[in-house]
């Protein structure tokens, strides 16, 4: 049976065997509360959110042409083998700078449109199915991403995650300043997961994390049951050497309905010329 068809039940069986977790007749783990943590880009959705949203930001005149080209350049770097965590850091900080003078309200309006017309068609069906199975077992599900916190939370709310966190940008008088406040990549993702666990009473040793990138190694190592999804070459090698499950997500969930384009007033939403 192909790996991508195994589903959560196989993971649960392996996890229980590895940790000695005992389950009652209802399938609930006895004496612990597991959780599930999903990466966003190329794990929950098939593309990176900055590049997926770049054209919409441009159409709403919230992103200039040269900014769009910078975003494209960063995504090309991520496609190269062997890119480092430092590249993620620079891309995250660069993305915050691009938000300078953009009203928070404008981004929320843009996301309300783009969720169905742009982002929803890129969502994989397989992680949604896994999320439903985690929920059926009473396990909270979290979305953890280096993308802008506002974007990550919007996607999480729409898809039914219990909570989410992304990188935060400073806001003054309702407008982004472009200054990064709290990143959420590399080890910072692991810190965020630990905070969720402490707040919600999650046993990380019985929890699962899903990611596509070797830069999320700290996230994957933070839980008892790391799972590589559509892994890059370095993560694939790590998963193989450590015996981690490797899943292949291929089926796109698709859009629910069409959303009309914004009106001509969109150019008024940015506070700088």
C-alpha atoms as a PDB file:
ATOM      1  CA  UNK A   1       0.000   0.000   0.000  1.00  0.00           C
ATOM      2  CA  UNK A   2       1.435   3.434  -0.902  1.00  0.00           C
ATOM      3  CA  UNK A   3       2.604   5.459   2.073  1.00  0.00           C
ATOM      4  CA  UNK A   4       0.156   8.269   1.398  1.00  0.00           C
ATOM      5  CA  UNK A   5      -2.764   5.850   1.765  1.00  0.00           C
ATOM      6  CA  UNK A   6      -1.848   4.659   5.245  1.00  0.00           C
ATOM      7  CA  UNK A   7      -3.688   7.480   7.020  1.00  0.00           C
ATOM      8  CA  UNK A   8      -3.589   8.304  10.701  1.00  0.00           C
ATOM      9  CA  UNK A   9      -4.616   4.873  11.990  1.00  0.00           C
ATOM     10  CA  UNK A  10      -1.276   3.371  10.986  1.00  0.00           C
ATOM     11  CA  UNK A  11       0.532   6.265  12.690  1.00  0.00           C
ATOM     12  CA  UNK A  12      -1.528   5.812  15.844  1.00  0.00           C
ATOM     13  CA  UNK A  13      -0.749   2.108  15.949  1.00  0.00           C
ATOM     14  CA  UNK A  14       2.978   2.752  15.540  1.00  0.00           C
ATOM     15  CA  UNK A  15       2.865   5.555  18.097  1.00  0.00           C
ATOM     16  CA  UNK A  16       1.078   3.458  20.707  1.00  0.00           C
ATOM     17  CA  UNK A  17       3.493   0.589  20.233  1.00  0.00           C
ATOM     18  CA  UNK A  18       6.471   2.893  20.600  1.00  0.00           C
ATOM     19  CA  UNK A  19       5.263   4.721  23.701  1.00  0.00           C
ATOM     20  CA  UNK A  20       3.209   2.071  25.460  1.00  0.00           C
ATOM     21  CA  UNK A  21       0.075   4.205  25.352  1.00  0.00           C
ATOM     22  CA  UNK A  22      -3.046   2.272  26.314  1.00  0.00           C
ATOM     23  CA  UNK A  23      -6.374   3.106  24.696  1.00  0.00           C
ATOM     24  CA  UNK A  24      -9.881   2.504  25.909  1.00  0.00           C
ATOM     25  CA  UNK A  25     -12.717   1.126  23.798  1.00  0.00           C
ATOM     26  CA  UNK A  26     -13.463   4.625  22.519  1.00  0.00           C
ATOM     27  CA  UNK A  27      -9.900   4.958  21.227  1.00  0.00           C
ATOM     28  CA  UNK A  28      -8.951   7.658  23.710  1.00  0.00           C
ATOM     29  CA  UNK A  29      -5.439   7.448  25.089  1.00  0.00           C
ATOM     30  CA  UNK A  30      -5.354   6.682  28.787  1.00  0.00           C
ATOM     31  CA  UNK A  31      -3.468   9.147  30.980  1.00  0.00           C
ATOM     32  CA  UNK A  32      -2.270  11.539  28.268  1.00  0.00           C
ATOM     33  CA  UNK A  33      -3.475  14.108  25.755  1.00  0.00           C
ATOM     34  CA  UNK A  34      -1.753  14.162  22.416  1.00  0.00           C
ATOM     35  CA  UNK A  35      -1.856  16.949  19.852  1.00  0.00           C
ATOM     36  CA  UNK A  36      -0.937  17.421  16.198  1.00  0.00           C
ATOM     37  CA  UNK A  37       1.158  20.210  14.698  1.00  0.00           C
ATOM     38  CA  UNK A  38       1.115  20.993  10.982  1.00  0.00           C
ATOM     39  CA  UNK A  39       3.504  23.125   8.980  1.00  0.00           C
ATOM     40  CA  UNK A  40       1.776  25.294   6.374  1.00  0.00           C
ATOM     41  CA  UNK A  41       3.773  25.800   3.172  1.00  0.00           C
ATOM     42  CA  UNK A  42       4.113  22.654   1.039  1.00  0.00           C
ATOM     43  CA  UNK A  43       2.633  20.603   3.887  1.00  0.00           C
ATOM     44  CA  UNK A  44      -0.929  21.842   4.295  1.00  0.00           C
ATOM     45  CA  UNK A  45      -0.909  23.717   0.989  1.00  0.00           C
ATOM     46  CA  UNK A  46       0.988  22.896  -2.181  1.00  0.00           C
ATOM     47  CA  UNK A  47       2.824  26.220  -2.516  1.00  0.00           C
ATOM     48  CA  UNK A  48       4.429  28.827  -0.299  1.00  0.00           C
ATOM     49  CA  UNK A  49       1.828  31.321   0.921  1.00  0.00           C
ATOM     50  CA  UNK A  50       3.915  34.424   0.049  1.00  0.00           C
ATOM     51  CA  UNK A  51       4.161  33.426  -3.591  1.00  0.00           C
ATOM     52  CA  UNK A  52       0.555  32.213  -3.677  1.00  0.00           C
ATOM     53  CA  UNK A  53      -0.680  35.586  -2.410  1.00  0.00           C
ATOM     54  CA  UNK A  54       1.827  37.798  -4.234  1.00  0.00           C
ATOM     55  CA  UNK A  55      -0.354  38.411  -7.282  1.00  0.00           C
ATOM     56  CA  UNK A  56      -3.368  39.242  -5.084  1.00  0.00           C
ATOM     57  CA  UNK A  57      -1.292  41.705  -3.053  1.00  0.00           C
ATOM     58  CA  UNK A  58      -0.122  43.235  -6.316  1.00  0.00           C
ATOM     59  CA  UNK A  59      -3.655  43.462  -7.718  1.00  0.00           C
ATOM     60  CA  UNK A  60      -4.812  45.179  -4.549  1.00  0.00           C
ATOM     61  CA  UNK A  61      -1.845  47.545  -4.929  1.00  0.00           C
ATOM     62  CA  UNK A  62      -0.442  46.466  -1.585  1.00  0.00           C
ATOM     63  CA  UNK A  63       2.710  45.119  -3.211  1.00  0.00           C
ATOM     64  CA  UNK A  64       4.825  46.883  -5.806  1.00  0.00           C
ATOM     65  CA  UNK A  65       6.318  45.164  -8.817  1.00  0.00           C
ATOM     66  CA  UNK A  66       9.835  45.130  -7.409  1.00  0.00           C
ATOM     67  CA  UNK A  67       8.468  43.642  -4.170  1.00  0.00           C
ATOM     68  CA  UNK A  68       6.776  40.919  -6.193  1.00  0.00           C
ATOM     69  CA  UNK A  69      10.059  40.101  -7.910  1.00  0.00           C
ATOM     70  CA  UNK A  70      11.812  39.858  -4.536  1.00  0.00           C
ATOM     71  CA  UNK A  71       9.182  37.419  -3.314  1.00  0.00           C
ATOM     72  CA  UNK A  72       9.625  35.322  -6.447  1.00  0.00           C
ATOM     73  CA  UNK A  73      13.393  35.339  -6.008  1.00  0.00           C
ATOM     74  CA  UNK A  74      13.126  34.020  -2.455  1.00  0.00           C
ATOM     75  CA  UNK A  75      10.872  31.182  -3.524  1.00  0.00           C
ATOM     76  CA  UNK A  76      13.356  30.191  -6.240  1.00  0.00           C
ATOM     77  CA  UNK A  77      16.002  29.957  -3.528  1.00  0.00           C
ATOM     78  CA  UNK A  78      13.779  27.596  -1.539  1.00  0.00           C
ATOM     79  CA  UNK A  79      13.522  25.311  -4.567  1.00  0.00           C
ATOM     80  CA  UNK A  80      17.288  24.872  -4.656  1.00  0.00           C
ATOM     81  CA  UNK A  81      18.763  21.840  -2.865  1.00  0.00           C
ATOM     82  CA  UNK A  82      20.589  22.507   0.380  1.00  0.00           C
ATOM     83  CA  UNK A  83      19.092  25.891   1.287  1.00  0.00           C
ATOM     84  CA  UNK A  84      19.760  26.743   4.910  1.00  0.00           C
ATOM     85  CA  UNK A  85      17.712  27.952   7.842  1.00  0.00           C
ATOM     86  CA  UNK A  86      19.416  31.341   7.440  1.00  0.00           C
ATOM     87  CA  UNK A  87      17.613  31.679   4.114  1.00  0.00           C
ATOM     88  CA  UNK A  88      14.284  31.154   5.867  1.00  0.00           C
ATOM     89  CA  UNK A  89      15.232  33.811   8.401  1.00  0.00           C
ATOM     90  CA  UNK A  90      16.191  36.335   5.722  1.00  0.00           C
ATOM     91  CA  UNK A  91      13.059  35.616   3.698  1.00  0.00           C
ATOM     92  CA  UNK A  92      10.860  36.030   6.782  1.00  0.00           C
ATOM     93  CA  UNK A  93      12.467  39.335   7.724  1.00  0.00           C
ATOM     94  CA  UNK A  94      12.336  40.511   4.113  1.00  0.00           C
ATOM     95  CA  UNK A  95       8.642  39.683   4.011  1.00  0.00           C
ATOM     96  CA  UNK A  96       8.002  41.824   7.069  1.00  0.00           C
ATOM     97  CA  UNK A  97       9.757  44.780   5.439  1.00  0.00           C
ATOM     98  CA  UNK A  98       7.439  44.425   2.439  1.00  0.00           C
ATOM     99  CA  UNK A  99       4.489  44.964   4.794  1.00  0.00           C
ATOM    100  CA  UNK A 100       5.664  48.422   5.835  1.00  0.00           C
ATOM    101  CA  UNK A 101       2.773  50.932   5.716  1.00  0.00           C
ATOM    102  CA  UNK A 102       0.213  48.235   4.866  1.00  0.00           C
ATOM    103  CA  UNK A 103      -2.977  48.507   6.996  1.00  0.00           C
ATOM    104  CA  UNK A 104      -3.853  45.372   8.947  1.00  0.00           C
ATOM    105  CA  UNK A 105      -7.490  45.806   7.899  1.00  0.00           C
ATOM    106  CA  UNK A 106      -6.482  45.741   4.238  1.00  0.00           C
ATOM    107  CA  UNK A 107      -4.699  42.419   4.661  1.00  0.00           C
ATOM    108  CA  UNK A 108      -7.752  40.960   6.411  1.00  0.00           C
ATOM    109  CA  UNK A 109     -10.019  42.064   3.557  1.00  0.00           C
ATOM    110  CA  UNK A 110      -7.598  40.629   1.026  1.00  0.00           C
ATOM    111  CA  UNK A 111      -7.481  37.316   2.860  1.00  0.00           C
ATOM    112  CA  UNK A 112     -11.275  37.140   3.001  1.00  0.00           C
ATOM    113  CA  UNK A 113     -11.239  37.189  -0.789  1.00  0.00           C
ATOM    114  CA  UNK A 114      -8.120  35.113  -1.382  1.00  0.00           C
ATOM    115  CA  UNK A 115      -9.012  32.223   0.928  1.00  0.00           C
ATOM    116  CA  UNK A 116     -11.548  30.750  -1.479  1.00  0.00           C
ATOM    117  CA  UNK A 117     -10.196  32.003  -4.790  1.00  0.00           C
ATOM    118  CA  UNK A 118      -6.447  31.535  -4.209  1.00  0.00           C
ATOM    119  CA  UNK A 119      -5.540  29.573  -1.070  1.00  0.00           C
ATOM    120  CA  UNK A 120      -8.336  26.996  -0.763  1.00  0.00           C
ATOM    121  CA  UNK A 121      -7.574  25.478  -4.204  1.00  0.00           C
ATOM    122  CA  UNK A 122      -3.996  24.852  -3.011  1.00  0.00           C
ATOM    123  CA  UNK A 123      -4.940  22.986   0.180  1.00  0.00           C
ATOM    124  CA  UNK A 124      -4.146  19.282   0.192  1.00  0.00           C
ATOM    125  CA  UNK A 125      -7.023  16.952   1.028  1.00  0.00           C
ATOM    126  CA  UNK A 126      -4.808  14.476   2.908  1.00  0.00           C
ATOM    127  CA  UNK A 127      -3.903  16.766   5.847  1.00  0.00           C
ATOM    128  CA  UNK A 128      -7.554  17.777   6.176  1.00  0.00           C
ATOM    129  CA  UNK A 129      -8.448  14.103   6.497  1.00  0.00           C
ATOM    130  CA  UNK A 130      -5.685  13.641   9.076  1.00  0.00           C
ATOM    131  CA  UNK A 131      -6.920  16.673  10.970  1.00  0.00           C
ATOM    132  CA  UNK A 132     -10.416  15.201  11.135  1.00  0.00           C
ATOM    133  CA  UNK A 133      -8.999  11.919  12.438  1.00  0.00           C
ATOM    134  CA  UNK A 134      -6.950  13.715  15.102  1.00  0.00           C
ATOM    135  CA  UNK A 135     -10.063  15.610  16.177  1.00  0.00           C
ATOM    136  CA  UNK A 136     -12.065  12.376  16.274  1.00  0.00           C
ATOM    137  CA  UNK A 137      -9.558  11.101  18.830  1.00  0.00           C
ATOM    138  CA  UNK A 138      -9.906  14.230  20.928  1.00  0.00           C
ATOM    139  CA  UNK A 139      -6.523  15.635  19.885  1.00  0.00           C
ATOM    140  CA  UNK A 140      -6.249  19.393  19.269  1.00  0.00           C
ATOM    141  CA  UNK A 141      -4.663  20.396  15.977  1.00  0.00           C
ATOM    142  CA  UNK A 142      -2.379  23.395  15.478  1.00  0.00           C
ATOM    143  CA  UNK A 143      -0.966  25.222  12.463  1.00  0.00           C
ATOM    144  CA  UNK A 144       2.609  26.497  12.919  1.00  0.00           C
ATOM    145  CA  UNK A 145       4.305  28.512  10.178  1.00  0.00           C
ATOM    146  CA  UNK A 146       6.974  31.080   9.403  1.00  0.00           C
ATOM    147  CA  UNK A 147       4.416  33.017   7.344  1.00  0.00           C
ATOM    148  CA  UNK A 148       2.744  36.146   8.690  1.00  0.00           C
ATOM    149  CA  UNK A 149       0.690  35.370  11.790  1.00  0.00           C
ATOM    150  CA  UNK A 150      -2.390  37.102  10.393  1.00  0.00           C
ATOM    151  CA  UNK A 151      -2.300  34.890   7.294  1.00  0.00           C
ATOM    152  CA  UNK A 152      -1.645  31.698   9.257  1.00  0.00           C
ATOM    153  CA  UNK A 153      -4.506  32.351  11.679  1.00  0.00           C
ATOM    154  CA  UNK A 154      -6.916  33.204   8.870  1.00  0.00           C
ATOM    155  CA  UNK A 155      -6.170  29.905   7.138  1.00  0.00           C
ATOM    156  CA  UNK A 156      -6.380  27.995  10.420  1.00  0.00           C
ATOM    157  CA  UNK A 157      -9.753  29.522  11.313  1.00  0.00           C
ATOM    158  CA  UNK A 158     -11.148  28.758   7.875  1.00  0.00           C
ATOM    159  CA  UNK A 159     -10.030  25.136   7.912  1.00  0.00           C
ATOM    160  CA  UNK A 160     -10.961  24.329  11.493  1.00  0.00           C
ATOM    161  CA  UNK A 161      -7.643  24.207  13.340  1.00  0.00           C
ATOM    162  CA  UNK A 162      -7.804  24.703  17.090  1.00  0.00           C
ATOM    163  CA  UNK A 163      -5.081  27.353  17.150  1.00  0.00           C
ATOM    164  CA  UNK A 164      -2.237  28.710  15.064  1.00  0.00           C
ATOM    165  CA  UNK A 165       0.861  30.838  15.193  1.00  0.00           C
ATOM    166  CA  UNK A 166       3.060  32.532  12.632  1.00  0.00           C
ATOM    167  CA  UNK A 167       5.703  35.215  12.509  1.00  0.00           C
ATOM    168  CA  UNK A 168       4.499  38.527  13.909  1.00  0.00           C
ATOM    169  CA  UNK A 169       5.119  42.000  12.555  1.00  0.00           C
ATOM    170  CA  UNK A 170       4.893  45.188  14.610  1.00  0.00           C
ATOM    171  CA  UNK A 171       1.650  47.151  14.218  1.00  0.00           C
ATOM    172  CA  UNK A 172       1.300  50.845  15.067  1.00  0.00           C
ATOM    173  CA  UNK A 173      -2.054  52.610  14.685  1.00  0.00           C
ATOM    174  CA  UNK A 174      -3.428  49.697  12.699  1.00  0.00           C
ATOM    175  CA  UNK A 175      -0.565  49.714  10.179  1.00  0.00           C
ATOM    176  CA  UNK A 176       2.339  47.300   9.817  1.00  0.00           C
ATOM    177  CA  UNK A 177       5.728  48.932  10.406  1.00  0.00           C
ATOM    178  CA  UNK A 178       7.755  46.225   8.667  1.00  0.00           C
ATOM    179  CA  UNK A 179       9.615  45.384  11.888  1.00  0.00           C
ATOM    180  CA  UNK A 180       9.709  41.716  12.839  1.00  0.00           C
ATOM    181  CA  UNK A 181       8.660  41.072  16.454  1.00  0.00           C
ATOM    182  CA  UNK A 182       8.559  37.294  16.827  1.00  0.00           C
ATOM    183  CA  UNK A 183       9.780  34.905  14.134  1.00  0.00           C
ATOM    184  CA  UNK A 184       8.315  31.428  13.822  1.00  0.00           C
ATOM    185  CA  UNK A 185      10.861  29.358  11.911  1.00  0.00           C
ATOM    186  CA  UNK A 186      13.466  26.770  12.875  1.00  0.00           C
ATOM    187  CA  UNK A 187      13.866  26.523  16.665  1.00  0.00           C
ATOM    188  CA  UNK A 188      11.237  29.229  17.178  1.00  0.00           C
ATOM    189  CA  UNK A 189       8.622  26.762  15.903  1.00  0.00           C
ATOM    190  CA  UNK A 190       9.699  24.290  18.549  1.00  0.00           C
ATOM    191  CA  UNK A 191       9.367  27.020  21.176  1.00  0.00           C
ATOM    192  CA  UNK A 192       5.856  27.813  19.954  1.00  0.00           C
ATOM    193  CA  UNK A 193       4.888  24.147  20.138  1.00  0.00           C
ATOM    194  CA  UNK A 194       6.231  23.936  23.684  1.00  0.00           C
ATOM    195  CA  UNK A 195       4.129  26.959  24.638  1.00  0.00           C
ATOM    196  CA  UNK A 196       0.994  25.399  23.169  1.00  0.00           C
ATOM    197  CA  UNK A 197       1.761  22.185  25.033  1.00  0.00           C
ATOM    198  CA  UNK A 198       2.205  23.942  28.370  1.00  0.00           C
ATOM    199  CA  UNK A 199      -0.908  26.044  27.918  1.00  0.00           C
ATOM    200  CA  UNK A 200      -3.203  23.251  26.722  1.00  0.00           C
ATOM    201  CA  UNK A 201      -1.810  20.298  28.655  1.00  0.00           C
ATOM    202  CA  UNK A 202      -0.393  18.514  25.604  1.00  0.00           C
ATOM    203  CA  UNK A 203       1.987  15.597  26.022  1.00  0.00           C
ATOM    204  CA  UNK A 204       4.548  16.202  23.271  1.00  0.00           C
ATOM    205  CA  UNK A 205       5.952  12.684  23.594  1.00  0.00           C
ATOM    206  CA  UNK A 206       2.631  11.302  22.325  1.00  0.00           C
ATOM    207  CA  UNK A 207       2.049  14.101  19.790  1.00  0.00           C
ATOM    208  CA  UNK A 208       2.604  14.243  16.038  1.00  0.00           C
ATOM    209  CA  UNK A 209       4.169  16.889  13.796  1.00  0.00           C
ATOM    210  CA  UNK A 210       4.055  17.150  10.004  1.00  0.00           C
ATOM    211  CA  UNK A 211       6.500  19.087   7.833  1.00  0.00           C
ATOM    212  CA  UNK A 212       8.150  19.042   4.426  1.00  0.00           C
ATOM    213  CA  UNK A 213      11.429  20.812   5.248  1.00  0.00           C
ATOM    214  CA  UNK A 214      14.694  20.007   6.989  1.00  0.00           C
ATOM    215  CA  UNK A 215      14.566  23.538   8.414  1.00  0.00           C
ATOM    216  CA  UNK A 216      11.706  22.260  10.603  1.00  0.00           C
ATOM    217  CA  UNK A 217      13.891  19.612  12.208  1.00  0.00           C
ATOM    218  CA  UNK A 218      13.514  21.285  15.620  1.00  0.00           C
ATOM    219  CA  UNK A 219       9.718  21.132  15.261  1.00  0.00           C
ATOM    220  CA  UNK A 220       9.800  17.471  14.284  1.00  0.00           C
ATOM    221  CA  UNK A 221      12.184  16.594  17.106  1.00  0.00           C
ATOM    222  CA  UNK A 222       9.951  18.357  19.626  1.00  0.00           C
ATOM    223  CA  UNK A 223       7.316  15.614  19.385  1.00  0.00           C
ATOM    224  CA  UNK A 224       7.336  11.877  19.835  1.00  0.00           C
ATOM    225  CA  UNK A 225       6.003  11.133  16.372  1.00  0.00           C
ATOM    226  CA  UNK A 226       7.565  13.255  13.621  1.00  0.00           C
ATOM    227  CA  UNK A 227       6.236  12.751  10.106  1.00  0.00           C
ATOM    228  CA  UNK A 228       7.875  13.939   6.894  1.00  0.00           C
ATOM    229  CA  UNK A 229       5.451  15.156   4.227  1.00  0.00           C
ATOM    230  CA  UNK A 230       6.565  15.618   0.618  1.00  0.00           C
ATOM    231  CA  UNK A 231      10.053  15.989   2.132  1.00  0.00           C
ATOM    232  CA  UNK A 232      12.935  17.908   0.605  1.00  0.00           C
ATOM    233  CA  UNK A 233      16.029  15.754  -0.041  1.00  0.00           C
ATOM    234  CA  UNK A 234      17.688  16.500   3.305  1.00  0.00           C
ATOM    235  CA  UNK A 235      14.552  15.776   5.324  1.00  0.00           C
ATOM    236  CA  UNK A 236      13.934  12.624   3.280  1.00  0.00           C
ATOM    237  CA  UNK A 237      17.423  11.401   4.184  1.00  0.00           C
ATOM    238  CA  UNK A 238      16.903  12.240   7.868  1.00  0.00           C
ATOM    239  CA  UNK A 239      13.509  10.513   7.929  1.00  0.00           C
ATOM    240  CA  UNK A 240      14.948   7.398   6.313  1.00  0.00           C
ATOM    241  CA  UNK A 241      17.883   7.220   8.712  1.00  0.00           C
ATOM    242  CA  UNK A 242      15.647   7.688  11.769  1.00  0.00           C
ATOM    243  CA  UNK A 243      12.780   5.509  10.626  1.00  0.00           C
ATOM    244  CA  UNK A 244      10.236   8.327  10.523  1.00  0.00           C
ATOM    245  CA  UNK A 245       7.056   7.904   8.468  1.00  0.00           C
ATOM    246  CA  UNK A 246       7.081   9.650   5.095  1.00  0.00           C
ATOM    247  CA  UNK A 247       3.776  10.727   3.556  1.00  0.00           C
ATOM    248  CA  UNK A 248       3.012  11.929   0.056  1.00  0.00           C
ATOM    249  CA  UNK A 249       0.237  14.513  -0.237  1.00  0.00           C
ATOM    250  CA  UNK A 250      -1.025  14.933  -3.804  1.00  0.00           C
ATOM    251  CA  UNK A 251      -4.789  15.493  -3.828  1.00  0.00           C
ATOM    252  CA  UNK A 252      -5.975  19.116  -3.758  1.00  0.00           C
ATOM    253  CA  UNK A 253      -9.167  19.844  -1.837  1.00  0.00           C
ATOM    254  CA  UNK A 254     -10.296  22.555  -4.266  1.00  0.00           C
ATOM    255  CA  UNK A 255     -12.342  25.698  -3.815  1.00  0.00           C
ATOM    256  CA  UNK A 256     -15.813  25.800  -2.306  1.00  0.00           C
ATOM    257  CA  UNK A 257     -17.120  28.666  -4.404  1.00  0.00           C
ATOM    258  CA  UNK A 258     -15.964  31.691  -6.340  1.00  0.00           C
ATOM    259  CA  UNK A 259     -15.362  35.051  -4.710  1.00  0.00           C
ATOM    260  CA  UNK A 260     -15.737  38.287  -6.696  1.00  0.00           C
ATOM    261  CA  UNK A 261     -12.731  40.512  -7.348  1.00  0.00           C
ATOM    262  CA  UNK A 262     -12.247  43.582  -5.138  1.00  0.00           C
ATOM    263  CA  UNK A 263     -13.620  46.927  -6.208  1.00  0.00           C
ATOM    264  CA  UNK A 264     -11.539  49.790  -7.585  1.00  0.00           C
ATOM    265  CA  UNK A 265     -11.217  51.280  -4.089  1.00  0.00           C
ATOM    266  CA  UNK A 266      -8.519  48.686  -3.325  1.00  0.00           C
ATOM    267  CA  UNK A 267      -5.794  51.171  -4.245  1.00  0.00           C
ATOM    268  CA  UNK A 268      -6.911  53.302  -1.286  1.00  0.00           C
ATOM    269  CA  UNK A 269      -6.063  50.594   1.221  1.00  0.00           C
ATOM    270  CA  UNK A 270      -2.353  51.281   1.284  1.00  0.00           C
ATOM    271  CA  UNK A 271      -1.151  54.300   3.198  1.00  0.00           C
ATOM    272  CA  UNK A 272       1.928  54.990   1.081  1.00  0.00           C
ATOM    273  CA  UNK A 273       1.982  55.913  -2.616  1.00  0.00           C
END
